[in-house]
C-alpha atoms as a PDB file:
ATOM      1  CA  MET A   1      33.895 -11.579  21.563  1.00  0.00           C
ATOM      2  CA  ARG A   2      34.541  -7.862  22.047  1.00  0.00           C
ATOM      3  CA  TYR A   3      34.049  -5.491  19.122  1.00  0.00           C
ATOM      4  CA  GLY A   4      35.754  -2.535  20.778  1.00  0.00           C
ATOM      5  CA  ARG A   5      36.217   0.519  18.545  1.00  0.00           C
ATOM      6  CA  ALA A   6      35.617  -1.360  15.293  1.00  0.00           C
ATOM      7  CA  ILE A   7      31.912  -0.453  15.229  1.00  0.00           C
ATOM      8  CA  PRO A   8      30.583   3.121  15.496  1.00  0.00           C
ATOM      9  CA  PRO A   9      27.444   3.817  17.591  1.00  0.00           C
ATOM     10  CA  LEU A  10      24.154   2.499  16.174  1.00  0.00           C
ATOM     11  CA  LYS A  11      22.792   6.029  15.642  1.00  0.00           C
ATOM     12  CA  SER A  12      25.710   6.751  13.336  1.00  0.00           C
ATOM     13  CA  LEU A  13      25.125   3.531  11.378  1.00  0.00           C
ATOM     14  CA  LEU A  14      21.449   4.408  10.877  1.00  0.00           C
ATOM     15  CA  ALA A  15      22.416   7.892   9.703  1.00  0.00           C
ATOM     16  CA  ILE A  16      24.987   6.469   7.249  1.00  0.00           C
ATOM     17  CA  GLU A  17      22.471   3.976   5.805  1.00  0.00           C
ATOM     18  CA  ALA A  18      19.754   6.617   5.325  1.00  0.00           C
ATOM     19  CA  ALA A  19      22.145   9.203   3.843  1.00  0.00           C
ATOM     20  CA  ALA A  20      23.512   6.604   1.406  1.00  0.00           C
ATOM     21  CA  ARG A  21      20.017   5.515   0.346  1.00  0.00           C
ATOM     22  CA  PHE A  22      18.744   9.052  -0.243  1.00  0.00           C
ATOM     23  CA  GLY A  23      22.019  10.637  -1.349  1.00  0.00           C
ATOM     24  CA  SER A  24      21.093  13.525   0.910  1.00  0.00           C
ATOM     25  CA  PHE A  25      21.625  14.479   4.552  1.00  0.00           C
ATOM     26  CA  SER A  26      18.393  16.502   4.614  1.00  0.00           C
ATOM     27  CA  LYS A  27      16.215  13.608   3.360  1.00  0.00           C
ATOM     28  CA  ALA A  28      17.932  11.233   5.764  1.00  0.00           C
ATOM     29  CA  ALA A  29      17.222  13.707   8.578  1.00  0.00           C
ATOM     30  CA  ALA A  30      13.510  13.832   7.651  1.00  0.00           C
ATOM     31  CA  GLU A  31      13.217  10.036   7.812  1.00  0.00           C
ATOM     32  CA  LEU A  32      15.105   9.793  11.101  1.00  0.00           C
ATOM     33  CA  ASN A  33      13.180  12.742  12.552  1.00  0.00           C
ATOM     34  CA  VAL A  34      16.324  14.682  13.435  1.00  0.00           C
ATOM     35  CA  THR A  35      17.969  17.809  12.039  1.00  0.00           C
ATOM     36  CA  GLN A  36      20.241  17.850   9.001  1.00  0.00           C
ATOM     37  CA  SER A  37      23.135  19.029  11.149  1.00  0.00           C
ATOM     38  CA  ALA A  38      22.556  16.055  13.469  1.00  0.00           C
ATOM     39  CA  VAL A  39      22.887  13.614  10.538  1.00  0.00           C
ATOM     40  CA  SER A  40      25.997  15.412   9.315  1.00  0.00           C
ATOM     41  CA  HIS A  41      27.471  15.211  12.822  1.00  0.00           C
ATOM     42  CA  LEU A  42      26.693  11.507  13.180  1.00  0.00           C
ATOM     43  CA  VAL A  43      28.230  10.674   9.800  1.00  0.00           C
ATOM     44  CA  GLY A  44      31.292  12.813  10.505  1.00  0.00           C
ATOM     45  CA  GLN A  45      31.628  11.155  13.903  1.00  0.00           C
ATOM     46  CA  ALA A  46      31.589   7.720  12.262  1.00  0.00           C
ATOM     47  CA  GLU A  47      34.148   8.779   9.637  1.00  0.00           C
ATOM     48  CA  ALA A  48      36.472  10.000  12.362  1.00  0.00           C
ATOM     49  CA  TYR A  49      35.820   6.774  14.266  1.00  0.00           C
ATOM     50  CA  LEU A  50      36.748   4.679  11.226  1.00  0.00           C
ATOM     51  CA  GLY A  51      39.507   6.914   9.879  1.00  0.00           C
ATOM     52  CA  ALA A  52      37.969   7.000   6.380  1.00  0.00           C
ATOM     53  CA  ARG A  53      35.731   9.295   4.327  1.00  0.00           C
ATOM     54  CA  LEU A  54      32.480   7.582   3.415  1.00  0.00           C
ATOM     55  CA  PHE A  55      30.769  10.327   1.370  1.00  0.00           C
ATOM     56  CA  ASP A  56      31.821  12.702  -1.395  1.00  0.00           C
ATOM     57  CA  ARG A  57      29.982  15.755  -0.155  1.00  0.00           C
ATOM     58  CA  ALA A  58      30.902  17.877  -3.162  1.00  0.00           C
ATOM     59  CA  SER A  59      28.897  15.778  -5.633  1.00  0.00           C
ATOM     60  CA  ARG A  60      25.176  16.330  -6.249  1.00  0.00           C
ATOM     61  CA  PRO A  61      23.476  14.106  -5.404  1.00  0.00           C
ATOM     62  CA  MET A  62      25.903  13.161  -2.699  1.00  0.00           C
ATOM     63  CA  ARG A  63      27.756   9.925  -3.481  1.00  0.00           C
ATOM     64  CA  LEU A  64      29.603   7.295  -1.551  1.00  0.00           C
ATOM     65  CA  THR A  65      33.351   6.992  -1.836  1.00  0.00           C
ATOM     66  CA  ARG A  66      34.845   3.612  -2.732  1.00  0.00           C
ATOM     67  CA  GLU A  67      35.460   2.943   0.956  1.00  0.00           C
ATOM     68  CA  GLY A  68      31.935   4.158   1.677  1.00  0.00           C
ATOM     69  CA  GLN A  69      30.349   1.768  -0.820  1.00  0.00           C
ATOM     70  CA  ARG A  70      32.065  -1.203   0.737  1.00  0.00           C
ATOM     71  CA  TYR A  71      31.270  -0.106   4.267  1.00  0.00           C
ATOM     72  CA  VAL A  72      27.612   0.747   3.612  1.00  0.00           C
ATOM     73  CA  SER A  73      27.120  -2.662   1.992  1.00  0.00           C
ATOM     74  CA  GLY A  74      28.182  -4.249   5.267  1.00  0.00           C
ATOM     75  CA  VAL A  75      26.070  -1.853   7.322  1.00  0.00           C
ATOM     76  CA  VAL A  76      22.936  -2.634   5.287  1.00  0.00           C
ATOM     77  CA  SER A  77      23.577  -6.356   5.552  1.00  0.00           C
ATOM     78  CA  GLY A  78      24.034  -6.142   9.310  1.00  0.00           C
ATOM     79  CA  LEU A  79      20.972  -3.957   9.844  1.00  0.00           C
ATOM     80  CA  ASN A  80      18.838  -6.338   7.771  1.00  0.00           C
ATOM     81  CA  ILE A  81      19.956  -9.254   9.939  1.00  0.00           C
ATOM     82  CA  LEU A  82      19.116  -7.304  13.102  1.00  0.00           C
ATOM     83  CA  LYS A  83      15.735  -6.343  11.645  1.00  0.00           C
ATOM     84  CA  ALA A  84      14.889  -9.916  10.684  1.00  0.00           C
ATOM     85  CA  GLU A  85      15.888 -11.308  14.070  1.00  0.00           C
ATOM     86  CA  GLY A  86      13.961  -8.580  15.865  1.00  0.00           C
ATOM     87  CA  GLN A  87      10.820  -9.296  13.834  1.00  0.00           C
ATOM     88  CA  HIS A  88      11.218 -12.992  14.593  1.00  0.00           C
ATOM     89  CA  LEU A  89      11.342 -12.317  18.324  1.00  0.00           C
ATOM     90  CA  GLN A  90       8.369  -9.943  18.125  1.00  0.00           C
ATOM     91  CA  GLU A  91       6.276 -12.471  16.176  1.00  0.00           C
ATOM     92  CA  ARG A  92       7.241 -15.171  18.646  1.00  0.00           C
ATOM     93  CA  LYS A  93       6.105 -13.003  21.542  1.00  0.00           C
ATOM     94  CA  LYS A  94       2.891 -12.182  19.694  1.00  0.00           C
ATOM     95  CA  ALA A  95       2.260 -15.869  18.992  1.00  0.00           C
ATOM     96  CA  GLN A  96       2.748 -16.692  22.670  1.00  0.00           C
ATOM     97  CA  SER A  97       0.023 -14.150  23.468  1.00  0.00           C
ATOM     98  CA  THR A  98      -2.465 -15.587  20.968  1.00  0.00           C
ATOM     99  CA  LEU A  99      -4.479 -18.759  21.569  1.00  0.00           C
ATOM    100  CA  ILE A 100      -6.337 -20.758  18.937  1.00  0.00           C
ATOM    101  CA  VAL A 101      -9.226 -22.559  20.643  1.00  0.00           C
ATOM    102  CA  SER A 102     -11.142 -25.329  18.891  1.00  0.00           C
ATOM    103  CA  CYS A 103     -14.620 -26.250  20.095  1.00  0.00           C
ATOM    104  CA  ASN A 104     -17.973 -27.609  19.049  1.00  0.00           C
ATOM    105  CA  LEU A 105     -20.281 -24.994  17.535  1.00  0.00           C
ATOM    106  CA  GLY A 106     -22.882 -25.379  20.287  1.00  0.00           C
ATOM    107  CA  TYR A 107     -20.445 -25.120  23.198  1.00  0.00           C
ATOM    108  CA  GLY A 108     -18.573 -22.312  21.483  1.00  0.00           C
ATOM    109  CA  ASN A 109     -21.693 -20.291  20.777  1.00  0.00           C
ATOM    110  CA  PHE A 110     -23.655 -20.854  23.996  1.00  0.00           C
ATOM    111  CA  TRP A 111     -21.062 -21.626  26.656  1.00  0.00           C
ATOM    112  CA  LEU A 112     -17.646 -20.180  25.810  1.00  0.00           C
ATOM    113  CA  LEU A 113     -18.460 -17.072  23.771  1.00  0.00           C
ATOM    114  CA  PRO A 114     -20.607 -15.353  26.444  1.00  0.00           C
ATOM    115  CA  LYS A 115     -17.748 -15.760  28.924  1.00  0.00           C
ATOM    116  CA  LEU A 116     -14.876 -14.527  26.740  1.00  0.00           C
ATOM    117  CA  ARG A 117     -15.469 -10.857  27.488  1.00  0.00           C
ATOM    118  CA  HIS A 118     -14.624 -11.579  31.118  1.00  0.00           C
ATOM    119  CA  PHE A 119     -11.397 -13.311  30.052  1.00  0.00           C
ATOM    120  CA  HIS A 120     -10.385 -10.364  27.852  1.00  0.00           C
ATOM    121  CA  GLU A 121     -11.027  -7.958  30.713  1.00  0.00           C
ATOM    122  CA  ARG A 122      -8.783 -10.002  32.989  1.00  0.00           C
ATOM    123  CA  HIS A 123      -6.100 -10.745  30.361  1.00  0.00           C
ATOM    124  CA  PRO A 124      -6.191  -7.901  27.798  1.00  0.00           C
ATOM    125  CA  ALA A 125      -2.776  -8.904  26.356  1.00  0.00           C
ATOM    126  CA  ILE A 126      -4.009 -12.371  25.332  1.00  0.00           C
ATOM    127  CA  THR A 127      -5.975 -12.783  22.108  1.00  0.00           C
ATOM    128  CA  VAL A 128      -8.311 -15.772  21.790  1.00  0.00           C
ATOM    129  CA  ASN A 129      -9.271 -16.949  18.304  1.00  0.00           C
ATOM    130  CA  MET A 130     -12.035 -19.561  18.046  1.00  0.00           C
ATOM    131  CA  VAL A 131     -12.318 -22.363  15.497  1.00  0.00           C
ATOM    132  CA  THR A 132     -15.610 -24.280  15.581  1.00  0.00           C
ATOM    133  CA  THR A 133     -16.982 -27.511  14.182  1.00  0.00           C
ATOM    134  CA  TYR A 134     -20.368 -29.184  14.400  1.00  0.00           C
ATOM    135  CA  GLN A 135     -19.350 -32.576  13.061  1.00  0.00           C
ATOM    136  CA  GLY A 136     -16.864 -34.763  14.881  1.00  0.00           C
ATOM    137  CA  LEU A 137     -14.478 -33.784  17.632  1.00  0.00           C
ATOM    138  CA  PRO A 138     -12.900 -30.324  17.779  1.00  0.00           C
ATOM    139  CA  GLU A 139      -9.441 -30.834  16.289  1.00  0.00           C
ATOM    140  CA  LEU A 140      -5.974 -30.464  17.735  1.00  0.00           C
ATOM    141  CA  THR A 141      -4.139 -30.094  14.440  1.00  0.00           C
ATOM    142  CA  ASP A 142      -1.151 -27.831  13.781  1.00  0.00           C
ATOM    143  CA  GLY A 143      -1.943 -24.306  14.866  1.00  0.00           C
ATOM    144  CA  ILE A 144      -4.626 -25.301  17.407  1.00  0.00           C
ATOM    145  CA  ASP A 145      -3.448 -24.659  20.964  1.00  0.00           C
ATOM    146  CA  VAL A 146      -6.336 -26.106  22.935  1.00  0.00           C
ATOM    147  CA  ALA A 147      -9.683 -27.800  22.337  1.00  0.00           C
ATOM    148  CA  ILE A 148     -12.892 -27.979  24.364  1.00  0.00           C
ATOM    149  CA  ARG A 149     -14.378 -31.432  23.860  1.00  0.00           C
ATOM    150  CA  PHE A 150     -17.300 -33.481  25.065  1.00  0.00           C
ATOM    151  CA  GLY A 151     -16.447 -37.075  25.932  1.00  0.00           C
ATOM    152  CA  LYS A 152     -14.741 -39.188  28.564  1.00  0.00           C
ATOM    153  CA  GLY A 153     -11.328 -37.524  28.447  1.00  0.00           C
ATOM    154  CA  ASP A 154      -9.575 -40.602  27.071  1.00  0.00           C
ATOM    155  CA  TRP A 155      -8.381 -39.314  23.700  1.00  0.00           C
ATOM    156  CA  PRO A 156      -5.000 -40.700  22.584  1.00  0.00           C
ATOM    157  CA  ASP A 157      -1.937 -38.426  22.566  1.00  0.00           C
ATOM    158  CA  CYS A 158      -3.812 -35.806  24.590  1.00  0.00           C
ATOM    159  CA  ARG A 159      -3.835 -34.239  28.037  1.00  0.00           C
ATOM    160  CA  SER A 160      -7.382 -33.713  29.347  1.00  0.00           C
ATOM    161  CA  GLN A 161      -8.622 -31.583  32.245  1.00  0.00           C
ATOM    162  CA  PRO A 162     -12.266 -32.144  33.263  1.00  0.00           C
ATOM    163  CA  LEU A 163     -14.434 -29.035  33.321  1.00  0.00           C
ATOM    164  CA  TYR A 164     -17.755 -30.529  34.405  1.00  0.00           C
ATOM    165  CA  ARG A 165     -19.990 -33.562  34.005  1.00  0.00           C
ATOM    166  CA  GLU A 166     -22.683 -33.051  31.412  1.00  0.00           C
ATOM    167  CA  ARG A 167     -26.403 -33.600  31.892  1.00  0.00           C
ATOM    168  CA  ILE A 168     -29.488 -33.131  29.729  1.00  0.00           C
ATOM    169  CA  VAL A 169     -33.054 -32.036  30.361  1.00  0.00           C
ATOM    170  CA  PRO A 170     -35.925 -31.141  27.999  1.00  0.00           C
ATOM    171  CA  VAL A 171     -36.258 -27.374  27.577  1.00  0.00           C
ATOM    172  CA  ALA A 172     -38.732 -25.069  25.868  1.00  0.00           C
ATOM    173  CA  SER A 173     -39.565 -21.394  25.795  1.00  0.00           C
ATOM    174  CA  VAL A 174     -41.835 -19.946  28.470  1.00  0.00           C
ATOM    175  CA  ALA A 175     -44.412 -19.085  25.793  1.00  0.00           C
ATOM    176  CA  TYR A 176     -44.457 -22.649  24.479  1.00  0.00           C
ATOM    177  CA  VAL A 177     -44.926 -24.186  27.924  1.00  0.00           C
ATOM    178  CA  GLU A 178     -47.738 -21.776  28.752  1.00  0.00           C
ATOM    179  CA  GLN A 179     -49.611 -22.340  25.494  1.00  0.00           C
ATOM    180  CA  GLU A 180     -49.248 -26.091  24.983  1.00  0.00           C
ATOM    181  CA  ALA A 181     -50.553 -29.094  26.928  1.00  0.00           C
ATOM    182  CA  ARG A 182     -49.016 -29.518  30.383  1.00  0.00           C
ATOM    183  CA  ILE A 183     -46.043 -31.825  30.755  1.00  0.00           C
ATOM    184  CA  ARG A 184     -46.227 -33.895  33.933  1.00  0.00           C
ATOM    185  CA  HIS A 185     -44.598 -37.157  32.859  1.00  0.00           C
ATOM    186  CA  PRO A 186     -41.963 -38.106  30.250  1.00  0.00           C
ATOM    187  CA  LYS A 187     -44.628 -39.850  28.127  1.00  0.00           C
ATOM    188  CA  ASP A 188     -46.506 -36.526  27.832  1.00  0.00           C
ATOM    189  CA  LEU A 189     -43.727 -35.265  25.560  1.00  0.00           C
ATOM    190  CA  LEU A 190     -44.874 -37.681  22.850  1.00  0.00           C
ATOM    191  CA  LYS A 191     -47.802 -35.290  22.317  1.00  0.00           C
ATOM    192  CA  HIS A 192     -45.502 -32.310  21.826  1.00  0.00           C
ATOM    193  CA  THR A 193     -43.367 -30.997  18.993  1.00  0.00           C
ATOM    194  CA  LEU A 194     -39.913 -32.476  19.516  1.00  0.00           C
ATOM    195  CA  LEU A 195     -36.895 -30.722  18.057  1.00  0.00           C
ATOM    196  CA  HIS A 196     -34.108 -32.954  16.766  1.00  0.00           C
ATOM    197  CA  ALA A 197     -30.400 -32.284  16.223  1.00  0.00           C
ATOM    198  CA  HIS A 198     -28.619 -34.864  14.114  1.00  0.00           C
ATOM    199  CA  ALA A 199     -26.208 -36.729  16.404  1.00  0.00           C
ATOM    200  CA  ILE A 200     -22.614 -35.549  16.130  1.00  0.00           C
ATOM    201  CA  ASP A 201     -21.340 -38.836  17.499  1.00  0.00           C
ATOM    202  CA  ARG A 202     -22.704 -41.827  19.380  1.00  0.00           C
ATOM    203  CA  SER A 203     -22.076 -40.251  22.776  1.00  0.00           C
ATOM    204  CA  TRP A 204     -24.737 -37.582  22.140  1.00  0.00           C
ATOM    205  CA  PHE A 205     -28.220 -38.311  23.458  1.00  0.00           C
ATOM    206  CA  ASP A 206     -31.255 -38.216  21.184  1.00  0.00           C
ATOM    207  CA  TRP A 207     -34.961 -38.395  21.980  1.00  0.00           C
ATOM    208  CA  ASN A 208     -35.145 -42.170  21.524  1.00  0.00           C
ATOM    209  CA  GLN A 209     -32.441 -42.645  24.146  1.00  0.00           C
ATOM    210  CA  TRP A 210     -34.164 -40.144  26.427  1.00  0.00           C
ATOM    211  CA  PHE A 211     -37.513 -41.950  26.285  1.00  0.00           C
ATOM    212  CA  ASP A 212     -35.779 -45.296  26.718  1.00  0.00           C
ATOM    213  CA  HIS A 213     -34.074 -43.991  29.880  1.00  0.00           C
ATOM    214  CA  PHE A 214     -37.507 -43.318  31.424  1.00  0.00           C
ATOM    215  CA  GLY A 215     -39.004 -46.561  30.142  1.00  0.00           C
ATOM    216  CA  VAL A 216     -41.347 -44.882  27.694  1.00  0.00           C
ATOM    217  CA  ALA A 217     -42.148 -46.823  24.523  1.00  0.00           C
ATOM    218  CA  CYS A 218     -41.880 -44.675  21.402  1.00  0.00           C
ATOM    219  CA  PRO A 219     -41.583 -45.054  17.619  1.00  0.00           C
ATOM    220  CA  SER A 220     -38.064 -45.503  16.270  1.00  0.00           C
ATOM    221  CA  ARG A 221     -38.612 -42.426  14.117  1.00  0.00           C
ATOM    222  CA  LEU A 222     -40.132 -39.629  16.117  1.00  0.00           C
ATOM    223  CA  PRO A 223     -41.894 -36.741  14.352  1.00  0.00           C
ATOM    224  CA  GLY A 224     -40.644 -33.164  14.609  1.00  0.00           C
ATOM    225  CA  PRO A 225     -38.337 -30.782  12.757  1.00  0.00           C
ATOM    226  CA  GLY A 226     -34.653 -31.716  12.482  1.00  0.00           C
ATOM    227  CA  PHE A 227     -31.514 -29.591  12.319  1.00  0.00           C
ATOM    228  CA  ASP A 228     -27.984 -30.343  11.212  1.00  0.00           C
ATOM    229  CA  ASN A 229     -26.460 -28.631  14.243  1.00  0.00           C
ATOM    230  CA  HIS A 230     -27.250 -27.989  17.881  1.00  0.00           C
ATOM    231  CA  VAL A 231     -27.211 -24.191  17.549  1.00  0.00           C
ATOM    232  CA  LEU A 232     -30.137 -24.138  15.102  1.00  0.00           C
ATOM    233  CA  MET A 233     -32.110 -26.527  17.293  1.00  0.00           C
ATOM    234  CA  MET A 234     -31.623 -24.328  20.352  1.00  0.00           C
ATOM    235  CA  GLN A 235     -32.613 -21.233  18.388  1.00  0.00           C
ATOM    236  CA  ALA A 236     -35.790 -23.044  17.380  1.00  0.00           C
ATOM    237  CA  ALA A 237     -36.518 -23.801  21.043  1.00  0.00           C
ATOM    238  CA  LEU A 238     -35.952 -20.151  21.947  1.00  0.00           C
ATOM    239  CA  THR A 239     -38.495 -19.055  19.343  1.00  0.00           C
ATOM    240  CA  GLY A 240     -41.126 -21.412  20.760  1.00  0.00           C
ATOM    241  CA  SER A 241     -41.011 -24.013  17.981  1.00  0.00           C
ATOM    242  CA  GLY A 242     -40.996 -27.009  20.317  1.00  0.00           C
ATOM    243  CA  VAL A 243     -39.107 -28.921  23.000  1.00  0.00           C
ATOM    244  CA  ALA A 244     -35.374 -29.597  22.708  1.00  0.00           C
ATOM    245  CA  LEU A 245     -32.965 -31.758  24.658  1.00  0.00           C
ATOM    246  CA  GLY A 246     -30.959 -29.112  26.436  1.00  0.00           C
ATOM    247  CA  TRP A 247     -27.415 -29.799  27.529  1.00  0.00           C
ATOM    248  CA  LYS A 248     -26.072 -28.117  30.640  1.00  0.00           C
ATOM    249  CA  GLY A 249     -23.354 -26.357  28.661  1.00  0.00           C
ATOM    250  CA  THR A 250     -25.625 -25.073  25.904  1.00  0.00           C
ATOM    251  CA  ALA A 251     -28.940 -24.458  27.694  1.00  0.00           C
ATOM    252  CA  GLY A 252     -27.762 -23.520  31.189  1.00  0.00           C
ATOM    253  CA  ASP A 253     -27.494 -19.761  30.622  1.00  0.00           C
ATOM    254  CA  PHE A 254     -30.899 -19.621  28.926  1.00  0.00           C
ATOM    255  CA  VAL A 255     -32.530 -21.460  31.836  1.00  0.00           C
ATOM    256  CA  ARG A 256     -30.852 -19.170  34.395  1.00  0.00           C
ATOM    257  CA  LYS A 257     -32.133 -16.132  32.464  1.00  0.00           C
ATOM    258  CA  ARG A 258     -35.623 -17.676  32.118  1.00  0.00           C
ATOM    259  CA  GLN A 259     -35.417 -17.559  28.337  1.00  0.00           C
ATOM    260  CA  LEU A 260     -35.966 -21.320  28.474  1.00  0.00           C
ATOM    261  CA  VAL A 261     -37.541 -23.458  31.166  1.00  0.00           C
ATOM    262  CA  GLU A 262     -37.062 -27.096  32.044  1.00  0.00           C
ATOM    263  CA  ALA A 263     -40.081 -28.989  30.769  1.00  0.00           C
ATOM    264  CA  LEU A 264     -39.475 -31.708  33.369  1.00  0.00           C
ATOM    265  CA  PRO A 265     -37.431 -31.460  36.570  1.00  0.00           C
ATOM    266  CA  ASP A 266     -35.513 -34.717  36.140  1.00  0.00           C
ATOM    267  CA  PRO A 267     -32.174 -34.257  34.332  1.00  0.00           C
ATOM    268  CA  ILE A 268     -30.167 -37.206  33.065  1.00  0.00           C
ATOM    269  CA  ASP A 269     -26.488 -37.406  33.971  1.00  0.00           C
ATOM    270  CA  VAL A 270     -24.852 -38.591  30.768  1.00  0.00           C
ATOM    271  CA  ASP A 271     -21.736 -40.725  30.478  1.00  0.00           C
ATOM    272  CA  GLY A 272     -19.370 -37.938  29.604  1.00  0.00           C
ATOM    273  CA  GLY A 273     -18.448 -34.353  30.268  1.00  0.00           C
ATOM    274  CA  LEU A 274     -16.701 -31.279  28.968  1.00  0.00           C
ATOM    275  CA  TYR A 275     -12.898 -31.312  28.891  1.00  0.00           C
ATOM    276  CA  LEU A 276     -10.089 -28.869  28.240  1.00  0.00           C
ATOM    277  CA  VAL A 277      -7.759 -30.775  25.922  1.00  0.00           C
ATOM    278  CA  THR A 278      -4.227 -30.154  24.663  1.00  0.00           C
ATOM    279  CA  HIS A 279      -1.942 -32.316  22.579  1.00  0.00           C
ATOM    280  CA  ARG A 280       0.716 -34.100  24.589  1.00  0.00           C
ATOM    281  CA  ASP A 281       3.435 -32.255  22.611  1.00  0.00           C
ATOM    282  CA  THR A 282       1.983 -28.792  23.222  1.00  0.00           C
ATOM    283  CA  ARG A 283       4.512 -26.639  25.035  1.00  0.00           C
ATOM    284  CA  PRO A 284       3.210 -24.801  28.116  1.00  0.00           C
ATOM    285  CA  SER A 285       2.906 -21.031  27.819  1.00  0.00           C
ATOM    286  CA  ARG A 286       1.758 -18.228  30.064  1.00  0.00           C
ATOM    287  CA  ALA A 287      -1.223 -17.555  27.779  1.00  0.00           C
ATOM    288  CA  LEU A 288      -2.308 -21.201  27.775  1.00  0.00           C
ATOM    289  CA  GLY A 289      -1.908 -21.462  31.546  1.00  0.00           C
ATOM    290  CA  SER A 290      -3.952 -18.296  32.119  1.00  0.00           C
ATOM    291  CA  PHE A 291      -6.708 -19.520  29.808  1.00  0.00           C
ATOM    292  CA  ALA A 292      -6.836 -22.969  31.427  1.00  0.00           C
ATOM    293  CA  ASP A 293      -7.001 -21.516  34.959  1.00  0.00           C
ATOM    294  CA  TRP A 294      -9.739 -19.098  33.949  1.00  0.00           C
ATOM    295  CA  LEU A 295     -11.771 -21.784  32.145  1.00  0.00           C
ATOM    296  CA  LEU A 296     -11.613 -24.127  35.140  1.00  0.00           C
ATOM    297  CA  GLU A 297     -12.816 -21.249  37.305  1.00  0.00           C
ATOM    298  CA  GLN A 298     -15.743 -20.573  34.958  1.00  0.00           C
ATOM    299  CA  ALA A 299     -16.693 -24.243  34.839  1.00  0.00           C
ATOM    300  CA  ALA A 300     -16.655 -24.476  38.645  1.00  0.00           C
ATOM    301  CA  ALA A 301     -19.015 -21.503  38.847  1.00  0.00           C
ATOM    302  CA  ASP A 302     -21.478 -23.274  36.528  1.00  0.00           C
ATOM    303  CA  ARG A 303     -21.664 -26.484  38.549  1.00  0.00           C
END
């Protein structure tokens, strides 16, 4: 559909709307950041274009003519539609450049968060917002774009990309290891302060399972302070409060930096790993693709 000469230039329409709202060419000019004569010219140009007078310039404040009232009503309506559609497109673009990432509190705090600065440096136009949980699986509800989960990658209605296989090893601070009795064998740990994190789900290892793996008999209820999340337990290990079961994803950086040391050199490969997970109905986007590629790269570097 061609509109031809039925519609004046957009600059004229904006000048008409502002002049009608203020009842003044000078106030309209101030808002549009142009001169008063420019507004007067644009309005006069539109009037000549339409073949009708829109303003009664002799009145103070300046008023619309009958034809002007009807025309300005249409102009305002049209501009509001353009504004609303433009805002919709801008918000859509903004949403496509924002990712909501759900992850376990421990992995989010110790594995993902230290790496995010690198992602922001590489992709400054993409904003990553984190949502964490320490009970149950990180969710993929409405509004969540991607989750980082520990498990076997077999969640229903999901697409899963493996990041790495998980493993665990007892860890403690350097000060603790130097001050306490030497640890040469798994059974030696029964003489030490063991730090406990309440299991998030059955796939998470606890000390009883660890001792059982090495064939060490132990009480069903082991002594030692307990914590309701993995982050607090790891903080306790860092302060020298005892020995914790360190997961590759949550203790790896601390071991590399010598803030924690492996109490024994024999890690256990657990039946599960870390996965990048999206819902099967999630639509691909450039932001999601960039984040997934980057995360796979980071995981490969940690192997």
